[in-house]
Amino acid sequence: MTEKITNGPSNVAKRLYLNIPDFCLSHWLLRIPLAVVFIQQGLSKFPVTLEDAESFGLPFLVWWIVSYGELGAGLGLLVGGIMVAKTILPELGDMLTRFSGITICSIATGVIWIAEPESFIEVLLYDNLHVFLWVGGLFFALRGNRI
């Protein structure tokens, strides 16, 4: 009777589950596209000019911070991920990844606020790109390199 219990369907499922290989580099599937979007958006704002800031109704200082913040957050996300290796200051890489994630959340929040949506549902339905960017930034802000 004991053999039937240990060889039952739940044990088979458990053995199958334990045999699935672990892909420890899967965070790069989220990290690279998120970084590319922010690097591209940051580079598209260069050279940073007063006219560009005024066209969005922003003060020049805010426009400057957003431009360099987007570029820095994207690069920080990549460099922080590379620093995961035990030999290259993993704690600093984790902090850099978390700071980049917080920066991404801040910038995405600002973009959503500037659009002046009527409701939260409108943001979820019609501004889903910025919501996904915000959630991606939040993921790295909360998890860092401890993936």
N, C-alpha and C. Protein backbone atom coordinates (compact mmCIF):
# COMPACT_ATOMS: atom_id res chain seq x y z
N MET A 1 0.82 -1.19 0.00
CA MET A 1 0.00 0.00 0.00
C MET A 1 0.86 1.25 0.00
N THR A 2 1.99 1.22 0.68
CA THR A 2 2.87 2.38 0.73
C THR A 2 3.44 2.70 -0.64
N GLU A 3 3.75 1.66 -1.43
CA GLU A 3 4.30 1.89 -2.77
C GLU A 3 3.32 2.63 -3.66
N LYS A 4 2.04 2.34 -3.55
CA LYS A 4 1.04 3.01 -4.38
C LYS A 4 0.95 4.49 -4.02
N ILE A 5 1.11 4.82 -2.75
CA ILE A 5 1.04 6.22 -2.34
C ILE A 5 2.27 6.98 -2.85
N THR A 6 3.45 6.39 -2.73
CA THR A 6 4.66 7.09 -3.15
C THR A 6 4.78 7.16 -4.67
N ASN A 7 4.12 6.25 -5.37
CA ASN A 7 4.17 6.28 -6.83
C ASN A 7 2.90 6.87 -7.43
N GLY A 8 2.12 7.56 -6.62
CA GLY A 8 0.86 8.15 -7.08
C GLY A 8 1.10 9.34 -7.99
N PRO A 9 0.01 9.90 -8.50
CA PRO A 9 0.10 11.02 -9.44
C PRO A 9 0.81 12.24 -8.86
N SER A 10 0.62 12.51 -7.56
CA SER A 10 1.27 13.70 -6.99
C SER A 10 2.78 13.53 -6.93
N ASN A 11 3.25 12.30 -6.69
CA ASN A 11 4.68 12.05 -6.66
C ASN A 11 5.28 12.18 -8.06
N VAL A 12 4.57 11.71 -9.06
CA VAL A 12 5.04 11.83 -10.45
C VAL A 12 5.14 13.31 -10.82
N ALA A 13 4.12 14.08 -10.45
CA ALA A 13 4.13 15.51 -10.75
C ALA A 13 5.30 16.20 -10.03
N LYS A 14 5.56 15.78 -8.79
CA LYS A 14 6.65 16.38 -8.04
C LYS A 14 8.00 16.07 -8.69
N ARG A 15 8.18 14.82 -9.14
CA ARG A 15 9.43 14.46 -9.81
C ARG A 15 9.60 15.22 -11.11
N LEU A 16 8.51 15.38 -11.87
CA LEU A 16 8.59 16.16 -13.11
C LEU A 16 8.95 17.61 -12.81
N TYR A 17 8.33 18.16 -11.78
CA TYR A 17 8.61 19.55 -11.39
C TYR A 17 10.07 19.73 -11.00
N LEU A 18 10.60 18.79 -10.24
CA LEU A 18 11.99 18.89 -9.78
C LEU A 18 12.99 18.69 -10.91
N ASN A 19 12.57 18.07 -12.02
CA ASN A 19 13.47 17.85 -13.16
C ASN A 19 13.46 19.00 -14.17
N ILE A 20 12.61 20.00 -13.96
CA ILE A 20 12.62 21.16 -14.86
C ILE A 20 13.90 21.95 -14.60
N PRO A 21 14.67 22.25 -15.64
CA PRO A 21 15.93 22.97 -15.41
C PRO A 21 15.66 24.41 -14.95
N ASP A 22 16.54 24.91 -14.11
CA ASP A 22 16.45 26.27 -13.60
C ASP A 22 17.19 27.22 -14.54
N PHE A 23 16.51 28.25 -15.00
CA PHE A 23 17.14 29.24 -15.88
C PHE A 23 17.39 30.48 -15.05
N CYS A 24 18.57 30.56 -14.45
CA CYS A 24 18.88 31.64 -13.52
C CYS A 24 19.16 32.97 -14.21
N LEU A 25 19.23 33.00 -15.50
CA LEU A 25 19.50 34.25 -16.21
C LEU A 25 18.24 34.86 -16.83
N SER A 26 17.08 34.40 -16.41
CA SER A 26 15.84 34.87 -17.01
C SER A 26 15.56 36.34 -16.75
N HIS A 27 16.17 36.93 -15.72
CA HIS A 27 15.97 38.35 -15.45
C HIS A 27 16.45 39.21 -16.61
N TRP A 28 17.36 38.70 -17.42
CA TRP A 28 17.84 39.46 -18.59
C TRP A 28 16.75 39.62 -19.64
N LEU A 29 15.77 38.70 -19.67
CA LEU A 29 14.66 38.81 -20.62
C LEU A 29 13.77 40.01 -20.31
N LEU A 30 13.79 40.48 -19.09
CA LEU A 30 13.08 41.70 -18.71
C LEU A 30 14.02 42.90 -18.66
N ARG A 31 15.23 42.67 -18.18
CA ARG A 31 16.20 43.74 -17.97
C ARG A 31 16.62 44.40 -19.28
N ILE A 32 16.94 43.62 -20.31
CA ILE A 32 17.45 44.18 -21.57
C ILE A 32 16.40 45.03 -22.28
N PRO A 33 15.17 44.54 -22.52
CA PRO A 33 14.20 45.40 -23.21
C PRO A 33 13.86 46.67 -22.44
N LEU A 34 13.76 46.57 -21.11
CA LEU A 34 13.47 47.75 -20.30
C LEU A 34 14.60 48.76 -20.40
N ALA A 35 15.83 48.28 -20.34
CA ALA A 35 16.98 49.18 -20.46
C ALA A 35 17.05 49.80 -21.85
N VAL A 36 16.79 49.02 -22.88
CA VAL A 36 16.84 49.55 -24.25
C VAL A 36 15.81 50.66 -24.45
N VAL A 37 14.60 50.46 -23.94
CA VAL A 37 13.56 51.49 -24.07
C VAL A 37 14.00 52.78 -23.39
N PHE A 38 14.55 52.68 -22.18
CA PHE A 38 14.94 53.89 -21.47
C PHE A 38 16.18 54.54 -22.07
N ILE A 39 17.13 53.76 -22.52
CA ILE A 39 18.31 54.34 -23.18
C ILE A 39 17.89 55.06 -24.46
N GLN A 40 17.03 54.42 -25.24
CA GLN A 40 16.57 55.02 -26.50
C GLN A 40 15.80 56.31 -26.23
N GLN A 41 14.92 56.30 -25.25
CA GLN A 41 14.15 57.50 -24.93
C GLN A 41 15.05 58.61 -24.40
N GLY A 42 16.04 58.24 -23.61
CA GLY A 42 16.98 59.25 -23.10
C GLY A 42 17.81 59.86 -24.22
N LEU A 43 18.32 59.02 -25.11
CA LEU A 43 19.14 59.53 -26.22
C LEU A 43 18.33 60.38 -27.19
N SER A 44 17.04 60.09 -27.32
CA SER A 44 16.21 60.87 -28.25
C SER A 44 16.01 62.31 -27.77
N LYS A 45 16.28 62.58 -26.51
CA LYS A 45 16.12 63.92 -25.96
C LYS A 45 17.39 64.77 -26.07
N PHE A 46 18.46 64.20 -26.55
CA PHE A 46 19.72 64.95 -26.67
C PHE A 46 19.83 65.60 -28.03
N PRO A 47 20.36 66.78 -28.14
CA PRO A 47 20.80 67.65 -27.05
C PRO A 47 19.60 68.20 -26.28
N VAL A 48 19.76 68.34 -24.99
CA VAL A 48 18.70 68.82 -24.12
C VAL A 48 18.56 70.33 -24.34
N THR A 49 17.39 70.76 -24.80
CA THR A 49 17.19 72.18 -25.09
C THR A 49 15.96 72.72 -24.35
N LEU A 50 15.96 74.01 -24.16
CA LEU A 50 14.84 74.69 -23.51
C LEU A 50 13.57 74.58 -24.35
N GLU A 51 13.73 74.62 -25.67
CA GLU A 51 12.57 74.54 -26.56
C GLU A 51 11.84 73.20 -26.42
N ASP A 52 12.61 72.12 -26.31
CA ASP A 52 11.99 70.81 -26.12
C ASP A 52 11.24 70.75 -24.79
N ALA A 53 11.84 71.30 -23.74
CA ALA A 53 11.18 71.31 -22.43
C ALA A 53 9.88 72.10 -22.49
N GLU A 54 9.92 73.25 -23.15
CA GLU A 54 8.72 74.08 -23.25
C GLU A 54 7.62 73.42 -24.07
N SER A 55 8.01 72.62 -25.07
CA SER A 55 7.00 71.95 -25.89
C SER A 55 6.19 70.93 -25.08
N PHE A 56 6.75 70.43 -23.99
CA PHE A 56 6.03 69.51 -23.11
C PHE A 56 5.48 70.23 -21.88
N GLY A 57 5.70 71.53 -21.81
CA GLY A 57 5.21 72.31 -20.67
C GLY A 57 5.98 72.03 -19.39
N LEU A 58 7.26 71.70 -19.52
CA LEU A 58 8.08 71.38 -18.36
C LEU A 58 9.18 72.42 -18.17
N PRO A 59 9.58 72.66 -16.92
CA PRO A 59 10.75 73.50 -16.70
C PRO A 59 12.00 72.80 -17.24
N PHE A 60 12.99 73.59 -17.62
CA PHE A 60 14.20 73.03 -18.21
C PHE A 60 14.89 72.05 -17.25
N LEU A 61 14.92 72.39 -15.96
CA LEU A 61 15.58 71.51 -14.98
C LEU A 61 14.92 70.12 -14.95
N VAL A 62 13.60 70.08 -14.98
CA VAL A 62 12.90 68.79 -14.98
C VAL A 62 13.23 68.02 -16.25
N TRP A 63 13.22 68.70 -17.40
CA TRP A 63 13.54 68.06 -18.68
C TRP A 63 14.96 67.50 -18.66
N TRP A 64 15.89 68.25 -18.09
CA TRP A 64 17.29 67.81 -18.01
C TRP A 64 17.39 66.57 -17.13
N ILE A 65 16.72 66.59 -15.97
CA ILE A 65 16.76 65.44 -15.06
C ILE A 65 16.14 64.20 -15.71
N VAL A 66 15.03 64.39 -16.41
CA VAL A 66 14.37 63.25 -17.08
C VAL A 66 15.27 62.69 -18.17
N SER A 67 15.89 63.55 -18.96
CA SER A 67 16.76 63.09 -20.06
C SER A 67 17.92 62.26 -19.53
N TYR A 68 18.64 62.82 -18.57
CA TYR A 68 19.78 62.08 -18.02
C TYR A 68 19.32 60.92 -17.14
N GLY A 69 18.16 61.05 -16.51
CA GLY A 69 17.62 59.96 -15.69
C GLY A 69 17.25 58.75 -16.52
N GLU A 70 16.64 58.98 -17.69
CA GLU A 70 16.30 57.85 -18.57
C GLU A 70 17.55 57.14 -19.05
N LEU A 71 18.52 57.91 -19.50
CA LEU A 71 19.77 57.32 -19.98
C LEU A 71 20.49 56.59 -18.84
N GLY A 72 20.59 57.24 -17.69
CA GLY A 72 21.28 56.64 -16.55
C GLY A 72 20.59 55.41 -16.01
N ALA A 73 19.26 55.43 -15.98
CA ALA A 73 18.51 54.27 -15.48
C ALA A 73 18.69 53.06 -16.39
N GLY A 74 18.65 53.29 -17.69
CA GLY A 74 18.86 52.18 -18.63
C GLY A 74 20.25 51.60 -18.52
N LEU A 75 21.25 52.48 -18.50
CA LEU A 75 22.63 52.00 -18.37
C LEU A 75 22.86 51.35 -17.01
N GLY A 76 22.28 51.93 -15.96
CA GLY A 76 22.43 51.37 -14.62
C GLY A 76 21.82 49.99 -14.49
N LEU A 77 20.71 49.78 -15.17
CA LEU A 77 20.07 48.46 -15.15
C LEU A 77 20.97 47.41 -15.78
N LEU A 78 21.63 47.76 -16.88
CA LEU A 78 22.54 46.82 -17.54
C LEU A 78 23.81 46.60 -16.73
N VAL A 79 24.43 47.68 -16.29
CA VAL A 79 25.69 47.57 -15.52
C VAL A 79 25.43 46.86 -14.19
N GLY A 80 24.32 47.18 -13.54
CA GLY A 80 23.98 46.50 -12.28
C GLY A 80 23.81 45.00 -12.47
N GLY A 81 23.24 44.60 -13.59
CA GLY A 81 23.08 43.17 -13.87
C GLY A 81 24.40 42.48 -14.15
N ILE A 82 25.31 43.19 -14.81
CA ILE A 82 26.63 42.62 -15.10
C ILE A 82 27.42 42.43 -13.81
N MET A 83 27.18 43.30 -12.83
CA MET A 83 27.93 43.24 -11.58
C MET A 83 27.44 42.14 -10.64
N VAL A 84 26.55 41.28 -11.11
CA VAL A 84 26.05 40.17 -10.29
C VAL A 84 27.17 39.20 -9.95
N ALA A 85 28.14 39.08 -10.84
CA ALA A 85 29.24 38.13 -10.62
C ALA A 85 29.89 38.40 -9.25
N LYS A 86 30.23 37.35 -8.57
CA LYS A 86 30.78 37.45 -7.21
C LYS A 86 32.07 38.27 -7.15
N THR A 87 32.79 38.36 -8.25
CA THR A 87 34.07 39.04 -8.23
C THR A 87 33.96 40.55 -8.46
N ILE A 88 32.80 41.03 -8.87
CA ILE A 88 32.68 42.45 -9.24
C ILE A 88 31.70 43.18 -8.32
N LEU A 89 31.93 43.22 -7.04
CA LEU A 89 31.10 43.95 -6.09
C LEU A 89 29.60 43.72 -6.27
N PRO A 90 29.10 42.54 -5.93
CA PRO A 90 27.68 42.26 -6.14
C PRO A 90 26.75 43.19 -5.36
N GLU A 91 27.18 43.67 -4.18
CA GLU A 91 26.34 44.57 -3.39
C GLU A 91 26.14 45.90 -4.11
N LEU A 92 27.20 46.42 -4.71
CA LEU A 92 27.09 47.67 -5.46
C LEU A 92 26.19 47.48 -6.69
N GLY A 93 26.31 46.34 -7.35
CA GLY A 93 25.45 46.04 -8.49
C GLY A 93 23.99 45.96 -8.09
N ASP A 94 23.72 45.37 -6.93
CA ASP A 94 22.35 45.28 -6.43
C ASP A 94 21.80 46.67 -6.14
N MET A 95 22.59 47.52 -5.50
CA MET A 95 22.15 48.89 -5.21
C MET A 95 21.91 49.68 -6.49
N LEU A 96 22.78 49.50 -7.47
CA LEU A 96 22.63 50.20 -8.75
C LEU A 96 21.36 49.75 -9.47
N THR A 97 21.08 48.46 -9.44
CA THR A 97 19.86 47.94 -10.05
C THR A 97 18.63 48.49 -9.35
N ARG A 98 18.65 48.51 -8.03
CA ARG A 98 17.50 49.03 -7.27
C ARG A 98 17.30 50.53 -7.53
N PHE A 99 18.38 51.29 -7.54
CA PHE A 99 18.27 52.73 -7.80
C PHE A 99 17.74 52.98 -9.21
N SER A 100 18.21 52.20 -10.17
CA SER A 100 17.71 52.34 -11.55
C SER A 100 16.23 52.01 -11.62
N GLY A 101 15.79 51.00 -10.89
CA GLY A 101 14.37 50.65 -10.85
C GLY A 101 13.53 51.77 -10.25
N ILE A 102 14.02 52.39 -9.17
CA ILE A 102 13.30 53.51 -8.56
C ILE A 102 13.23 54.68 -9.53
N THR A 103 14.33 54.93 -10.25
CA THR A 103 14.35 56.02 -11.23
C THR A 103 13.35 55.75 -12.35
N ILE A 104 13.29 54.52 -12.83
CA ILE A 104 12.34 54.16 -13.88
C ILE A 104 10.91 54.38 -13.39
N CYS A 105 10.60 53.96 -12.17
CA CYS A 105 9.26 54.18 -11.61
C CYS A 105 8.94 55.66 -11.52
N SER A 106 9.89 56.46 -11.08
CA SER A 106 9.67 57.90 -10.94
C SER A 106 9.38 58.55 -12.29
N ILE A 107 10.17 58.22 -13.29
CA ILE A 107 9.99 58.81 -14.61
C ILE A 107 8.67 58.35 -15.23
N ALA A 108 8.35 57.07 -15.11
CA ALA A 108 7.09 56.56 -15.67
C ALA A 108 5.89 57.19 -14.96
N THR A 109 6.00 57.40 -13.65
CA THR A 109 4.93 58.08 -12.92
C THR A 109 4.74 59.50 -13.43
N GLY A 110 5.84 60.21 -13.65
CA GLY A 110 5.76 61.56 -14.19
C GLY A 110 5.11 61.61 -15.56
N VAL A 111 5.45 60.66 -16.41
CA VAL A 111 4.86 60.62 -17.75
C VAL A 111 3.36 60.38 -17.66
N ILE A 112 2.95 59.49 -16.78
CA ILE A 112 1.51 59.22 -16.62
C ILE A 112 0.80 60.46 -16.07
N TRP A 113 1.41 61.16 -15.11
CA TRP A 113 0.78 62.36 -14.54
C TRP A 113 0.66 63.48 -15.55
N ILE A 114 1.67 63.64 -16.39
CA ILE A 114 1.64 64.71 -17.39
C ILE A 114 0.49 64.49 -18.38
N ALA A 115 0.15 63.25 -18.64
CA ALA A 115 -0.96 62.95 -19.56
C ALA A 115 -2.32 63.33 -18.98
N GLU A 116 -2.37 63.59 -17.68
CA GLU A 116 -3.59 63.98 -16.97
C GLU A 116 -4.78 63.06 -17.28
N PRO A 117 -4.65 61.78 -16.94
CA PRO A 117 -5.76 60.85 -17.20
C PRO A 117 -6.96 61.18 -16.31
N GLU A 118 -8.14 60.84 -16.80
CA GLU A 118 -9.36 61.11 -16.03
C GLU A 118 -9.53 60.14 -14.87
N SER A 119 -9.06 58.90 -15.04
CA SER A 119 -9.21 57.91 -13.98
C SER A 119 -8.08 56.89 -14.06
N PHE A 120 -7.99 56.11 -12.99
CA PHE A 120 -6.98 55.05 -12.94
C PHE A 120 -7.26 53.99 -14.01
N ILE A 121 -8.53 53.72 -14.24
CA ILE A 121 -8.91 52.73 -15.26
C ILE A 121 -8.45 53.19 -16.64
N GLU A 122 -8.55 54.48 -16.90
CA GLU A 122 -8.09 55.02 -18.19
C GLU A 122 -6.60 54.78 -18.38
N VAL A 123 -5.84 54.93 -17.31
CA VAL A 123 -4.39 54.66 -17.38
C VAL A 123 -4.16 53.19 -17.72
N LEU A 124 -4.84 52.30 -17.03
CA LEU A 124 -4.65 50.87 -17.26
C LEU A 124 -5.06 50.45 -18.67
N LEU A 125 -6.12 51.05 -19.19
CA LEU A 125 -6.63 50.64 -20.50
C LEU A 125 -5.88 51.27 -21.67
N TYR A 126 -5.49 52.54 -21.54
CA TYR A 126 -4.98 53.27 -22.69
C TYR A 126 -3.51 53.67 -22.59
N ASP A 127 -2.92 53.54 -21.43
CA ASP A 127 -1.51 53.91 -21.27
C ASP A 127 -0.73 52.72 -20.74
N ASN A 128 -1.05 51.54 -21.30
CA ASN A 128 -0.46 50.32 -20.76
C ASN A 128 1.05 50.22 -20.94
N LEU A 129 1.63 50.88 -21.95
CA LEU A 129 3.08 50.86 -22.11
C LEU A 129 3.76 51.45 -20.88
N HIS A 130 3.28 52.60 -20.44
CA HIS A 130 3.91 53.23 -19.28
C HIS A 130 3.63 52.45 -17.99
N VAL A 131 2.49 51.79 -17.94
CA VAL A 131 2.20 50.94 -16.78
C VAL A 131 3.18 49.76 -16.75
N PHE A 132 3.43 49.15 -17.90
CA PHE A 132 4.38 48.04 -17.94
C PHE A 132 5.80 48.51 -17.62
N LEU A 133 6.18 49.68 -18.10
CA LEU A 133 7.50 50.23 -17.76
C LEU A 133 7.58 50.48 -16.25
N TRP A 134 6.50 51.00 -15.67
CA TRP A 134 6.46 51.28 -14.25
C TRP A 134 6.58 49.98 -13.44
N VAL A 135 5.84 48.95 -13.85
CA VAL A 135 5.88 47.66 -13.15
C VAL A 135 7.26 47.02 -13.29
N GLY A 136 7.87 47.12 -14.47
CA GLY A 136 9.23 46.60 -14.65
C GLY A 136 10.22 47.31 -13.75
N GLY A 137 10.11 48.63 -13.66
CA GLY A 137 10.98 49.38 -12.75
C GLY A 137 10.75 49.00 -11.31
N LEU A 138 9.47 48.81 -10.94
CA LEU A 138 9.15 48.42 -9.58
C LEU A 138 9.72 47.04 -9.25
N PHE A 139 9.69 46.13 -10.21
CA PHE A 139 10.25 44.79 -10.00
C PHE A 139 11.73 44.89 -9.63
N PHE A 140 12.49 45.66 -10.42
CA PHE A 140 13.92 45.77 -10.14
C PHE A 140 14.20 46.61 -8.91
N ALA A 141 13.33 47.57 -8.59
CA ALA A 141 13.51 48.35 -7.36
C ALA A 141 13.32 47.47 -6.13
N LEU A 142 12.37 46.55 -6.19
CA LEU A 142 12.09 45.70 -5.04
C LEU A 142 13.00 44.48 -4.95
N ARG A 143 13.37 43.91 -6.09
CA ARG A 143 14.17 42.68 -6.08
C ARG A 143 15.66 42.92 -6.27
N GLY A 144 16.02 43.99 -6.94
CA GLY A 144 17.44 44.21 -7.21
C GLY A 144 18.02 43.07 -8.02
N ASN A 145 19.17 42.60 -7.62
CA ASN A 145 19.82 41.48 -8.31
C ASN A 145 19.55 40.15 -7.61
N ARG A 146 18.70 40.14 -6.60
CA ARG A 146 18.38 38.90 -5.88
C ARG A 146 17.23 38.20 -6.58
N ILE A 147 17.50 37.71 -7.77
CA ILE A 147 16.45 37.15 -8.60
C ILE A 147 16.50 35.64 -8.55
